[in-house]
N, C-alpha and C. Protein backbone atom coordinates (compact mmCIF):
# COMPACT_ATOMS: atom_id res chain seq x y z
N MET A 1 -17.59 -11.81 -9.51
CA MET A 1 -17.36 -11.14 -8.23
C MET A 1 -16.06 -10.36 -8.25
N ALA A 2 -16.10 -9.12 -7.79
CA ALA A 2 -14.88 -8.32 -7.68
C ALA A 2 -13.98 -8.93 -6.61
N LYS A 3 -12.69 -8.67 -6.72
CA LYS A 3 -11.71 -9.30 -5.83
C LYS A 3 -10.83 -8.28 -5.12
N LEU A 4 -10.25 -8.74 -4.02
CA LEU A 4 -9.24 -7.98 -3.28
C LEU A 4 -7.87 -8.52 -3.68
N TYR A 5 -7.01 -7.64 -4.18
CA TYR A 5 -5.67 -8.02 -4.62
C TYR A 5 -4.63 -7.39 -3.69
N PHE A 6 -3.60 -8.16 -3.36
CA PHE A 6 -2.47 -7.61 -2.60
C PHE A 6 -1.21 -7.81 -3.42
N ARG A 7 -0.63 -6.69 -3.83
CA ARG A 7 0.62 -6.70 -4.58
C ARG A 7 1.71 -6.17 -3.67
N TYR A 8 2.63 -7.02 -3.32
CA TYR A 8 3.61 -6.69 -2.28
C TYR A 8 5.04 -6.89 -2.80
N GLY A 9 5.95 -6.22 -2.13
CA GLY A 9 7.36 -6.39 -2.48
C GLY A 9 8.22 -5.60 -1.52
N ALA A 10 9.50 -5.86 -1.55
CA ALA A 10 10.45 -5.10 -0.73
C ALA A 10 10.52 -3.66 -1.22
N MET A 11 11.20 -2.82 -0.47
CA MET A 11 11.37 -1.43 -0.88
C MET A 11 11.98 -1.38 -2.28
N ASN A 12 11.57 -0.38 -3.05
CA ASN A 12 12.10 -0.14 -4.40
C ASN A 12 11.72 -1.22 -5.41
N SER A 13 10.62 -1.92 -5.15
CA SER A 13 10.18 -2.94 -6.10
C SER A 13 9.15 -2.40 -7.09
N GLY A 14 8.88 -1.10 -7.04
CA GLY A 14 7.99 -0.49 -8.02
C GLY A 14 6.52 -0.54 -7.66
N LYS A 15 6.21 -0.60 -6.36
CA LYS A 15 4.80 -0.70 -5.95
C LYS A 15 4.00 0.54 -6.33
N SER A 16 4.51 1.72 -5.95
CA SER A 16 3.77 2.95 -6.27
C SER A 16 3.71 3.18 -7.77
N THR A 17 4.78 2.85 -8.47
CA THR A 17 4.79 2.97 -9.92
C THR A 17 3.73 2.06 -10.53
N GLY A 18 3.64 0.83 -10.02
CA GLY A 18 2.63 -0.10 -10.52
C GLY A 18 1.22 0.38 -10.25
N LEU A 19 1.00 0.96 -9.08
CA LEU A 19 -0.32 1.49 -8.74
C LEU A 19 -0.71 2.62 -9.70
N LEU A 20 0.21 3.55 -9.93
CA LEU A 20 -0.09 4.67 -10.81
C LEU A 20 -0.31 4.21 -12.24
N GLN A 21 0.41 3.18 -12.66
CA GLN A 21 0.21 2.62 -14.00
C GLN A 21 -1.16 1.97 -14.10
N ALA A 22 -1.57 1.25 -13.04
CA ALA A 22 -2.89 0.63 -13.05
C ALA A 22 -3.99 1.68 -13.14
N ALA A 23 -3.83 2.78 -12.37
CA ALA A 23 -4.82 3.87 -12.44
C ALA A 23 -4.90 4.45 -13.84
N PHE A 24 -3.74 4.65 -14.45
CA PHE A 24 -3.69 5.19 -15.81
C PHE A 24 -4.41 4.26 -16.79
N ASN A 25 -4.18 2.95 -16.64
CA ASN A 25 -4.79 2.00 -17.55
C ASN A 25 -6.32 2.04 -17.47
N TYR A 26 -6.85 2.12 -16.25
CA TYR A 26 -8.30 2.22 -16.10
C TYR A 26 -8.83 3.50 -16.76
N GLU A 27 -8.18 4.61 -16.44
CA GLU A 27 -8.68 5.90 -16.93
C GLU A 27 -8.52 6.04 -18.43
N GLU A 28 -7.51 5.40 -18.98
CA GLU A 28 -7.33 5.44 -20.44
C GLU A 28 -8.52 4.82 -21.14
N ARG A 29 -9.22 3.92 -20.43
CA ARG A 29 -10.41 3.26 -20.99
C ARG A 29 -11.70 3.94 -20.53
N GLY A 30 -11.56 5.14 -19.99
CA GLY A 30 -12.73 5.91 -19.61
C GLY A 30 -13.38 5.49 -18.32
N GLN A 31 -12.67 4.77 -17.47
CA GLN A 31 -13.24 4.28 -16.22
C GLN A 31 -12.73 5.10 -15.04
N ARG A 32 -13.58 5.23 -14.05
CA ARG A 32 -13.27 6.04 -12.86
C ARG A 32 -12.59 5.19 -11.80
N VAL A 33 -11.53 5.74 -11.22
CA VAL A 33 -10.84 5.07 -10.12
C VAL A 33 -10.74 6.03 -8.94
N LEU A 34 -10.56 5.46 -7.76
CA LEU A 34 -10.25 6.25 -6.57
C LEU A 34 -8.93 5.75 -6.01
N LEU A 35 -8.08 6.71 -5.61
CA LEU A 35 -6.78 6.41 -5.03
C LEU A 35 -6.77 6.85 -3.57
N ALA A 36 -6.16 6.04 -2.71
CA ALA A 36 -6.11 6.37 -1.29
C ALA A 36 -4.81 5.85 -0.69
N LYS A 37 -4.47 6.40 0.47
CA LYS A 37 -3.34 5.88 1.23
C LYS A 37 -3.55 6.23 2.70
N PRO A 38 -2.94 5.47 3.61
CA PRO A 38 -3.06 5.79 5.04
C PRO A 38 -2.46 7.15 5.36
N ALA A 39 -3.13 7.88 6.24
CA ALA A 39 -2.66 9.23 6.60
C ALA A 39 -1.32 9.19 7.32
N ILE A 40 -0.99 8.05 7.92
CA ILE A 40 0.28 7.94 8.65
C ILE A 40 1.47 8.07 7.71
N ASP A 41 1.27 7.78 6.43
CA ASP A 41 2.34 7.91 5.45
C ASP A 41 2.43 9.38 5.02
N THR A 42 3.28 10.13 5.69
CA THR A 42 3.36 11.57 5.46
C THR A 42 4.30 11.93 4.31
N LYS A 43 5.01 10.96 3.76
CA LYS A 43 5.88 11.24 2.62
C LYS A 43 5.01 11.65 1.43
N GLY A 44 5.22 12.85 0.96
CA GLY A 44 4.42 13.34 -0.14
C GLY A 44 3.07 13.88 0.29
N ASP A 45 2.85 13.98 1.61
CA ASP A 45 1.57 14.46 2.14
C ASP A 45 0.43 13.62 1.56
N SER A 46 -0.47 14.24 0.79
CA SER A 46 -1.61 13.51 0.25
C SER A 46 -1.36 13.09 -1.20
N THR A 47 -0.10 12.82 -1.51
CA THR A 47 0.29 12.45 -2.87
C THR A 47 0.99 11.10 -2.86
N ILE A 48 0.71 10.30 -3.87
CA ILE A 48 1.47 9.07 -4.09
C ILE A 48 2.65 9.42 -4.97
N VAL A 49 3.84 9.11 -4.49
CA VAL A 49 5.07 9.50 -5.18
C VAL A 49 5.85 8.25 -5.57
N SER A 50 6.06 8.07 -6.87
CA SER A 50 6.88 6.99 -7.36
C SER A 50 8.35 7.42 -7.34
N ARG A 51 9.23 6.46 -7.10
CA ARG A 51 10.66 6.77 -7.12
C ARG A 51 11.16 7.12 -8.52
N LEU A 52 10.33 6.87 -9.54
CA LEU A 52 10.67 7.29 -10.90
C LEU A 52 10.34 8.75 -11.15
N GLY A 53 9.71 9.40 -10.15
CA GLY A 53 9.40 10.82 -10.28
C GLY A 53 7.96 11.11 -10.65
N VAL A 54 7.16 10.08 -10.86
CA VAL A 54 5.74 10.27 -11.16
C VAL A 54 4.98 10.46 -9.85
N ALA A 55 4.05 11.40 -9.83
CA ALA A 55 3.28 11.66 -8.61
C ALA A 55 1.83 11.95 -8.97
N ARG A 56 0.95 11.66 -8.01
CA ARG A 56 -0.47 11.95 -8.21
C ARG A 56 -1.13 12.09 -6.85
N ALA A 57 -2.00 13.08 -6.71
CA ALA A 57 -2.72 13.29 -5.46
C ALA A 57 -3.74 12.17 -5.26
N VAL A 58 -3.91 11.75 -4.02
CA VAL A 58 -4.92 10.74 -3.70
C VAL A 58 -6.29 11.41 -3.61
N ASP A 59 -7.32 10.61 -3.72
CA ASP A 59 -8.69 11.12 -3.56
C ASP A 59 -9.07 11.25 -2.09
N PHE A 60 -8.47 10.40 -1.25
CA PHE A 60 -8.67 10.52 0.20
C PHE A 60 -7.57 9.79 0.93
N THR A 61 -7.34 10.24 2.17
CA THR A 61 -6.41 9.53 3.05
C THR A 61 -7.21 8.81 4.13
N ILE A 62 -6.59 7.79 4.71
CA ILE A 62 -7.27 6.92 5.66
C ILE A 62 -6.66 7.11 7.04
N ALA A 63 -7.44 7.67 7.96
CA ALA A 63 -6.97 7.85 9.33
C ALA A 63 -7.01 6.51 10.07
N PRO A 64 -6.23 6.38 11.15
CA PRO A 64 -6.14 5.09 11.84
C PRO A 64 -7.47 4.50 12.29
N ASP A 65 -8.43 5.35 12.62
CA ASP A 65 -9.71 4.85 13.13
C ASP A 65 -10.83 4.89 12.09
N ASP A 66 -10.51 5.21 10.85
CA ASP A 66 -11.55 5.32 9.83
C ASP A 66 -12.18 3.98 9.49
N ASP A 67 -13.47 4.03 9.24
CA ASP A 67 -14.19 2.93 8.61
C ASP A 67 -13.97 3.11 7.11
N VAL A 68 -13.11 2.30 6.53
CA VAL A 68 -12.69 2.55 5.15
C VAL A 68 -13.86 2.39 4.18
N ARG A 69 -14.73 1.43 4.44
CA ARG A 69 -15.87 1.26 3.54
C ARG A 69 -16.78 2.48 3.55
N ALA A 70 -17.00 3.06 4.73
CA ALA A 70 -17.86 4.25 4.82
C ALA A 70 -17.21 5.43 4.10
N VAL A 71 -15.90 5.60 4.29
CA VAL A 71 -15.19 6.70 3.62
C VAL A 71 -15.22 6.48 2.11
N PHE A 72 -14.99 5.26 1.68
CA PHE A 72 -15.02 4.96 0.25
C PHE A 72 -16.39 5.28 -0.35
N ARG A 73 -17.46 4.89 0.33
CA ARG A 73 -18.80 5.12 -0.21
C ARG A 73 -19.12 6.61 -0.30
N ARG A 74 -18.64 7.39 0.66
CA ARG A 74 -18.83 8.85 0.57
C ARG A 74 -18.08 9.41 -0.63
N GLN A 75 -16.85 8.98 -0.82
CA GLN A 75 -16.06 9.46 -1.95
C GLN A 75 -16.67 9.01 -3.28
N ALA A 76 -17.16 7.79 -3.32
CA ALA A 76 -17.75 7.28 -4.55
C ALA A 76 -18.99 8.07 -4.94
N ALA A 77 -19.71 8.59 -3.92
CA ALA A 77 -20.93 9.36 -4.19
C ALA A 77 -20.64 10.76 -4.69
N GLY A 78 -19.41 11.20 -4.59
CA GLY A 78 -19.05 12.52 -5.08
C GLY A 78 -19.66 13.61 -4.21
N ASP A 79 -20.27 14.61 -4.86
CA ASP A 79 -20.82 15.76 -4.14
C ASP A 79 -22.14 15.45 -3.44
N ASP A 80 -22.75 14.34 -3.77
CA ASP A 80 -24.06 14.00 -3.20
C ASP A 80 -23.90 12.82 -2.25
N PRO A 81 -23.87 13.04 -0.94
CA PRO A 81 -23.65 11.94 0.00
C PRO A 81 -24.75 10.88 -0.02
N ASP A 82 -25.93 11.21 -0.59
CA ASP A 82 -27.02 10.24 -0.65
C ASP A 82 -27.10 9.54 -2.01
N ALA A 83 -26.15 9.84 -2.87
CA ALA A 83 -26.25 9.34 -4.25
C ALA A 83 -26.27 7.82 -4.30
N LEU A 84 -25.42 7.17 -3.53
CA LEU A 84 -25.37 5.71 -3.59
C LEU A 84 -26.66 5.10 -3.08
N LEU A 85 -27.26 5.72 -2.07
CA LEU A 85 -28.48 5.17 -1.49
C LEU A 85 -29.67 5.39 -2.40
N GLU A 86 -29.68 6.51 -3.12
CA GLU A 86 -30.82 6.86 -3.95
C GLU A 86 -30.65 6.40 -5.40
N HIS A 87 -29.49 5.83 -5.72
CA HIS A 87 -29.23 5.31 -7.05
C HIS A 87 -29.35 6.40 -8.12
N VAL A 88 -28.90 7.61 -7.78
CA VAL A 88 -28.92 8.68 -8.78
C VAL A 88 -27.74 8.47 -9.73
N ASP A 89 -27.69 9.29 -10.76
CA ASP A 89 -26.70 9.11 -11.82
C ASP A 89 -25.32 9.55 -11.35
N VAL A 90 -24.55 8.62 -10.83
CA VAL A 90 -23.18 8.87 -10.41
C VAL A 90 -22.29 7.88 -11.14
N GLU A 91 -21.21 8.37 -11.73
CA GLU A 91 -20.31 7.48 -12.44
C GLU A 91 -19.76 6.43 -11.49
N PRO A 92 -19.91 5.17 -11.80
CA PRO A 92 -19.44 4.13 -10.88
C PRO A 92 -17.93 4.11 -10.78
N VAL A 93 -17.45 3.61 -9.65
CA VAL A 93 -16.02 3.45 -9.45
C VAL A 93 -15.62 2.08 -9.96
N ALA A 94 -14.66 2.05 -10.87
CA ALA A 94 -14.23 0.78 -11.46
C ALA A 94 -13.19 0.07 -10.61
N CYS A 95 -12.47 0.83 -9.78
CA CYS A 95 -11.42 0.22 -8.98
C CYS A 95 -11.00 1.18 -7.87
N LEU A 96 -10.69 0.61 -6.70
CA LEU A 96 -10.09 1.36 -5.59
C LEU A 96 -8.65 0.90 -5.45
N LEU A 97 -7.72 1.85 -5.46
CA LEU A 97 -6.29 1.54 -5.37
C LEU A 97 -5.73 2.12 -4.07
N ILE A 98 -5.06 1.28 -3.30
CA ILE A 98 -4.53 1.68 -2.00
C ILE A 98 -3.01 1.56 -2.00
N ASP A 99 -2.32 2.65 -1.70
CA ASP A 99 -0.86 2.62 -1.56
C ASP A 99 -0.49 2.47 -0.09
N GLU A 100 0.69 1.93 0.17
CA GLU A 100 1.22 1.74 1.54
C GLU A 100 0.21 1.01 2.43
N ALA A 101 -0.36 -0.05 1.89
CA ALA A 101 -1.44 -0.76 2.59
C ALA A 101 -0.98 -1.44 3.87
N GLN A 102 0.32 -1.59 4.04
CA GLN A 102 0.81 -2.21 5.28
C GLN A 102 0.43 -1.41 6.52
N PHE A 103 0.17 -0.11 6.36
CA PHE A 103 -0.15 0.75 7.49
C PHE A 103 -1.62 0.70 7.90
N LEU A 104 -2.44 -0.04 7.18
CA LEU A 104 -3.84 -0.19 7.57
C LEU A 104 -3.95 -1.13 8.77
N SER A 105 -5.05 -0.98 9.51
CA SER A 105 -5.32 -1.93 10.60
C SER A 105 -5.96 -3.19 10.02
N ARG A 106 -6.03 -4.22 10.83
CA ARG A 106 -6.68 -5.46 10.39
C ARG A 106 -8.14 -5.20 10.04
N GLN A 107 -8.81 -4.38 10.85
CA GLN A 107 -10.22 -4.08 10.60
C GLN A 107 -10.40 -3.32 9.28
N GLN A 108 -9.45 -2.45 8.96
CA GLN A 108 -9.55 -1.70 7.71
C GLN A 108 -9.33 -2.61 6.49
N VAL A 109 -8.49 -3.61 6.63
CA VAL A 109 -8.35 -4.59 5.54
C VAL A 109 -9.64 -5.39 5.39
N ASP A 110 -10.30 -5.70 6.51
CA ASP A 110 -11.61 -6.33 6.43
C ASP A 110 -12.57 -5.46 5.62
N ASP A 111 -12.50 -4.14 5.82
CA ASP A 111 -13.34 -3.22 5.05
C ASP A 111 -13.05 -3.33 3.56
N LEU A 112 -11.77 -3.49 3.19
CA LEU A 112 -11.42 -3.61 1.78
C LEU A 112 -12.06 -4.85 1.16
N LEU A 113 -12.09 -5.94 1.90
CA LEU A 113 -12.74 -7.15 1.40
C LEU A 113 -14.23 -6.90 1.20
N ARG A 114 -14.85 -6.18 2.15
CA ARG A 114 -16.29 -5.88 2.01
C ARG A 114 -16.56 -5.01 0.79
N ILE A 115 -15.67 -4.05 0.51
CA ILE A 115 -15.83 -3.20 -0.67
C ILE A 115 -15.81 -4.06 -1.93
N ALA A 116 -14.88 -5.00 -1.99
CA ALA A 116 -14.77 -5.86 -3.17
C ALA A 116 -15.99 -6.78 -3.29
N VAL A 117 -16.34 -7.46 -2.22
CA VAL A 117 -17.37 -8.50 -2.29
C VAL A 117 -18.78 -7.92 -2.24
N LEU A 118 -19.02 -6.98 -1.32
CA LEU A 118 -20.38 -6.47 -1.15
C LEU A 118 -20.70 -5.30 -2.07
N ASP A 119 -19.72 -4.45 -2.36
CA ASP A 119 -19.95 -3.31 -3.24
C ASP A 119 -19.58 -3.60 -4.68
N GLY A 120 -18.91 -4.73 -4.92
CA GLY A 120 -18.59 -5.12 -6.29
C GLY A 120 -17.52 -4.28 -6.95
N VAL A 121 -16.61 -3.70 -6.14
CA VAL A 121 -15.54 -2.86 -6.68
C VAL A 121 -14.19 -3.52 -6.41
N PRO A 122 -13.43 -3.85 -7.45
CA PRO A 122 -12.11 -4.43 -7.22
C PRO A 122 -11.23 -3.50 -6.40
N VAL A 123 -10.45 -4.08 -5.50
CA VAL A 123 -9.53 -3.31 -4.66
C VAL A 123 -8.12 -3.82 -4.91
N LEU A 124 -7.23 -2.92 -5.31
CA LEU A 124 -5.83 -3.24 -5.52
C LEU A 124 -5.02 -2.58 -4.42
N ALA A 125 -4.47 -3.38 -3.51
CA ALA A 125 -3.70 -2.86 -2.39
C ALA A 125 -2.22 -3.17 -2.62
N TYR A 126 -1.39 -2.15 -2.43
CA TYR A 126 0.05 -2.28 -2.64
C TYR A 126 0.77 -2.00 -1.32
N GLY A 127 1.79 -2.79 -1.01
CA GLY A 127 2.53 -2.54 0.23
C GLY A 127 3.67 -3.51 0.42
N ILE A 128 4.34 -3.38 1.57
CA ILE A 128 5.42 -4.29 1.93
C ILE A 128 4.91 -5.26 2.99
N ARG A 129 5.49 -6.44 3.03
CA ARG A 129 5.05 -7.45 4.00
C ARG A 129 5.59 -7.17 5.40
N THR A 130 6.89 -6.93 5.49
CA THR A 130 7.55 -6.90 6.80
C THR A 130 8.35 -5.62 7.00
N ASP A 131 8.59 -5.31 8.27
CA ASP A 131 9.37 -4.12 8.61
C ASP A 131 10.86 -4.44 8.64
N PHE A 132 11.65 -3.48 9.12
CA PHE A 132 13.11 -3.65 9.13
C PHE A 132 13.57 -4.70 10.13
N ARG A 133 12.66 -5.18 10.97
CA ARG A 133 12.98 -6.24 11.93
C ARG A 133 12.48 -7.59 11.44
N THR A 134 12.03 -7.66 10.21
CA THR A 134 11.44 -8.84 9.55
C THR A 134 10.12 -9.26 10.17
N GLU A 135 9.42 -8.34 10.84
CA GLU A 135 8.13 -8.63 11.46
C GLU A 135 7.01 -8.05 10.59
N ALA A 136 5.93 -8.80 10.48
CA ALA A 136 4.83 -8.39 9.60
C ALA A 136 4.11 -7.16 10.12
N PHE A 137 3.74 -6.28 9.20
CA PHE A 137 2.83 -5.20 9.53
C PHE A 137 1.42 -5.79 9.67
N ALA A 138 0.61 -5.18 10.52
CA ALA A 138 -0.74 -5.70 10.75
C ALA A 138 -1.56 -5.73 9.46
N GLY A 139 -1.49 -4.65 8.69
CA GLY A 139 -2.27 -4.61 7.45
C GLY A 139 -1.83 -5.67 6.46
N SER A 140 -0.52 -5.84 6.34
CA SER A 140 0.00 -6.83 5.39
C SER A 140 -0.36 -8.24 5.82
N ALA A 141 -0.24 -8.51 7.12
CA ALA A 141 -0.59 -9.85 7.60
C ALA A 141 -2.05 -10.18 7.28
N ARG A 142 -2.93 -9.22 7.48
CA ARG A 142 -4.35 -9.46 7.21
C ARG A 142 -4.61 -9.61 5.71
N LEU A 143 -3.91 -8.83 4.91
CA LEU A 143 -4.06 -8.96 3.47
C LEU A 143 -3.59 -10.33 2.99
N MET A 144 -2.52 -10.85 3.58
CA MET A 144 -2.06 -12.19 3.22
C MET A 144 -3.12 -13.23 3.56
N GLU A 145 -3.90 -12.96 4.60
CA GLU A 145 -4.94 -13.90 5.02
C GLU A 145 -6.21 -13.81 4.15
N LEU A 146 -6.55 -12.59 3.70
CA LEU A 146 -7.85 -12.38 3.07
C LEU A 146 -7.84 -12.20 1.56
N ALA A 147 -6.76 -11.71 1.01
CA ALA A 147 -6.78 -11.33 -0.40
C ALA A 147 -7.09 -12.52 -1.31
N HIS A 148 -7.89 -12.28 -2.33
CA HIS A 148 -8.17 -13.31 -3.32
C HIS A 148 -6.92 -13.62 -4.15
N SER A 149 -6.10 -12.60 -4.35
CA SER A 149 -4.93 -12.75 -5.21
C SER A 149 -3.72 -12.10 -4.56
N LEU A 150 -2.60 -12.84 -4.52
CA LEU A 150 -1.34 -12.33 -3.99
C LEU A 150 -0.32 -12.29 -5.12
N GLU A 151 0.35 -11.14 -5.29
CA GLU A 151 1.34 -11.00 -6.34
C GLU A 151 2.59 -10.34 -5.77
N GLU A 152 3.72 -11.01 -5.92
CA GLU A 152 4.97 -10.44 -5.43
C GLU A 152 5.62 -9.61 -6.52
N LEU A 153 5.98 -8.38 -6.18
CA LEU A 153 6.72 -7.50 -7.08
C LEU A 153 8.19 -7.60 -6.68
N LYS A 154 9.03 -7.97 -7.61
CA LYS A 154 10.40 -8.33 -7.27
C LYS A 154 11.37 -7.17 -7.50
N THR A 155 12.42 -7.15 -6.68
CA THR A 155 13.54 -6.24 -6.87
C THR A 155 14.79 -6.97 -6.44
N ILE A 156 15.95 -6.36 -6.67
CA ILE A 156 17.19 -7.05 -6.37
C ILE A 156 18.00 -6.31 -5.31
N CYS A 157 18.77 -7.09 -4.58
CA CYS A 157 19.73 -6.59 -3.60
C CYS A 157 20.94 -6.02 -4.35
N SER A 158 21.76 -5.25 -3.66
CA SER A 158 22.97 -4.70 -4.30
C SER A 158 23.93 -5.79 -4.75
N CYS A 159 23.81 -7.00 -4.16
CA CYS A 159 24.68 -8.10 -4.55
C CYS A 159 24.17 -8.83 -5.80
N GLY A 160 22.96 -8.50 -6.23
CA GLY A 160 22.39 -9.12 -7.41
C GLY A 160 21.36 -10.20 -7.13
N ARG A 161 21.25 -10.64 -5.88
CA ARG A 161 20.24 -11.63 -5.53
C ARG A 161 18.87 -10.95 -5.36
N LYS A 162 17.83 -11.77 -5.31
CA LYS A 162 16.48 -11.25 -5.07
C LYS A 162 16.41 -10.65 -3.67
N ALA A 163 15.91 -9.43 -3.55
CA ALA A 163 15.75 -8.77 -2.25
C ALA A 163 14.42 -9.16 -1.64
N VAL A 164 14.45 -9.53 -0.37
CA VAL A 164 13.23 -9.95 0.32
C VAL A 164 13.00 -9.19 1.63
N PHE A 165 14.04 -8.58 2.18
CA PHE A 165 13.93 -7.90 3.47
C PHE A 165 14.20 -6.40 3.31
N ASN A 166 13.61 -5.63 4.23
CA ASN A 166 13.83 -4.19 4.26
C ASN A 166 14.71 -3.85 5.45
N THR A 167 15.71 -3.02 5.23
CA THR A 167 16.57 -2.59 6.33
C THR A 167 16.46 -1.08 6.50
N ARG A 168 16.64 -0.65 7.74
CA ARG A 168 16.59 0.78 8.07
C ARG A 168 18.00 1.28 8.32
N ARG A 169 18.31 2.41 7.73
CA ARG A 169 19.61 3.05 7.96
C ARG A 169 19.40 4.43 8.53
N VAL A 170 20.18 4.76 9.54
CA VAL A 170 20.25 6.11 10.07
C VAL A 170 21.67 6.58 9.80
N GLY A 171 21.79 7.56 8.92
CA GLY A 171 23.12 7.91 8.43
C GLY A 171 23.65 6.76 7.61
N SER A 172 24.84 6.28 7.93
CA SER A 172 25.44 5.16 7.19
C SER A 172 25.30 3.85 7.94
N GLU A 173 24.60 3.85 9.09
CA GLU A 173 24.51 2.67 9.94
C GLU A 173 23.16 1.98 9.82
N TYR A 174 23.19 0.66 9.69
CA TYR A 174 21.97 -0.12 9.78
C TYR A 174 21.52 -0.18 11.23
N VAL A 175 20.20 -0.08 11.45
CA VAL A 175 19.66 -0.21 12.81
C VAL A 175 18.60 -1.31 12.81
N PHE A 176 18.49 -2.01 13.93
CA PHE A 176 17.58 -3.14 14.02
C PHE A 176 16.67 -3.05 15.25
N ASP A 177 16.65 -1.89 15.87
CA ASP A 177 15.75 -1.62 16.99
C ASP A 177 15.04 -0.30 16.73
N GLY A 178 13.84 -0.16 17.31
CA GLY A 178 13.10 1.08 17.17
C GLY A 178 11.65 0.82 16.83
N ASP A 179 10.90 1.92 16.69
CA ASP A 179 9.48 1.82 16.36
C ASP A 179 9.31 1.21 14.97
N GLN A 180 8.20 0.51 14.79
CA GLN A 180 7.96 -0.13 13.50
C GLN A 180 7.84 0.89 12.38
N VAL A 181 7.23 2.03 12.67
CA VAL A 181 6.99 3.03 11.62
C VAL A 181 7.91 4.21 11.80
N ALA A 182 8.71 4.47 10.79
CA ALA A 182 9.51 5.69 10.69
C ALA A 182 9.57 6.00 9.20
N ILE A 183 8.92 7.06 8.79
CA ILE A 183 8.76 7.34 7.37
C ILE A 183 10.09 7.72 6.74
N ASP A 184 10.35 7.16 5.58
CA ASP A 184 11.56 7.43 4.82
C ASP A 184 11.73 8.94 4.64
N GLY A 185 12.91 9.44 4.99
CA GLY A 185 13.14 10.88 4.88
C GLY A 185 14.58 11.25 5.12
N GLU A 186 14.79 12.45 5.61
CA GLU A 186 16.14 13.00 5.74
C GLU A 186 16.99 12.19 6.72
N ASP A 187 16.42 11.78 7.85
CA ASP A 187 17.19 11.09 8.87
C ASP A 187 17.12 9.57 8.77
N VAL A 188 16.09 9.05 8.12
CA VAL A 188 15.90 7.61 8.03
C VAL A 188 15.79 7.21 6.56
N GLN A 189 16.53 6.20 6.18
CA GLN A 189 16.46 5.68 4.82
C GLN A 189 16.27 4.16 4.90
N TYR A 190 15.75 3.60 3.82
CA TYR A 190 15.52 2.16 3.77
C TYR A 190 16.22 1.56 2.56
N GLU A 191 16.63 0.31 2.73
CA GLU A 191 17.30 -0.42 1.66
C GLU A 191 16.79 -1.85 1.66
N SER A 192 16.54 -2.38 0.48
CA SER A 192 16.08 -3.77 0.39
C SER A 192 17.28 -4.68 0.16
N LEU A 193 17.33 -5.77 0.92
CA LEU A 193 18.45 -6.71 0.88
C LEU A 193 17.95 -8.13 0.70
N CYS A 194 18.82 -8.99 0.17
CA CYS A 194 18.55 -10.41 0.15
C CYS A 194 18.74 -10.97 1.56
N ALA A 195 18.35 -12.22 1.78
CA ALA A 195 18.47 -12.81 3.11
C ALA A 195 19.92 -12.89 3.56
N THR A 196 20.83 -13.22 2.63
CA THR A 196 22.25 -13.34 2.99
C THR A 196 22.81 -12.01 3.46
N CYS A 197 22.56 -10.95 2.70
CA CYS A 197 23.09 -9.63 3.07
C CYS A 197 22.43 -9.10 4.33
N TYR A 198 21.14 -9.40 4.52
CA TYR A 198 20.47 -8.96 5.74
C TYR A 198 21.11 -9.60 6.96
N LEU A 199 21.34 -10.90 6.91
CA LEU A 199 21.93 -11.61 8.05
C LEU A 199 23.37 -11.14 8.30
N GLU A 200 24.08 -10.82 7.25
CA GLU A 200 25.44 -10.28 7.43
C GLU A 200 25.37 -8.92 8.13
N ALA A 201 24.44 -8.06 7.70
CA ALA A 201 24.33 -6.72 8.28
C ALA A 201 23.86 -6.77 9.72
N SER A 202 23.00 -7.73 10.05
CA SER A 202 22.41 -7.81 11.39
C SER A 202 23.21 -8.70 12.33
N GLY A 203 24.29 -9.27 11.85
CA GLY A 203 25.03 -10.21 12.68
C GLY A 203 24.28 -11.49 12.95
N GLY A 204 23.43 -11.88 12.01
CA GLY A 204 22.66 -13.11 12.15
C GLY A 204 21.32 -12.94 12.84
N ARG A 205 20.99 -11.70 13.19
CA ARG A 205 19.76 -11.43 13.93
C ARG A 205 18.57 -11.36 13.00
N LEU A 206 17.45 -11.94 13.43
CA LEU A 206 16.16 -11.83 12.76
C LEU A 206 15.13 -11.41 13.80
N GLY A 207 14.60 -10.21 13.67
CA GLY A 207 13.61 -9.74 14.63
C GLY A 207 14.23 -9.30 15.96
């Protein structure tokens, strides 16, 4: 049985790099993969961008109200929307890879499980668990509940300890209030910290 995998880590833990490496590994063996990410992640538009400078366009983006399984099946069928139903000669998809999976809804994560179990296609979802307030994203929380396999991708804080929390900076100041989603860019930056450094920066505040 194909499985749903959730590979998670704090910012800068190499999630996008790992996803692109996984895609390369499949394709090096002549297997077809599909790459996707939530449309809300506007960084790089329709491209997955690794902090190492590697980038690749996704095959589709996922809108907030999309039925992910239906979109996946259309993409898997290629130019023939009836191909999957008619069992015509279409190269099978060996794996579906999802970047920034924390931005998916709970229902969309349910769709990922259906793709793995009912369609027999492994799904590798990459994302962060919690926001800058240490609160879980809906997609990540559901992935923690449903995924067959959980793998933590590790990175370190500037102090050298293991980083577990994400902090938001506006200019040079850490902020601990605001909307859950603010895409990394010119005005907003993120930094991964260990628990000790996070509590020092927040004055002991969690959430």
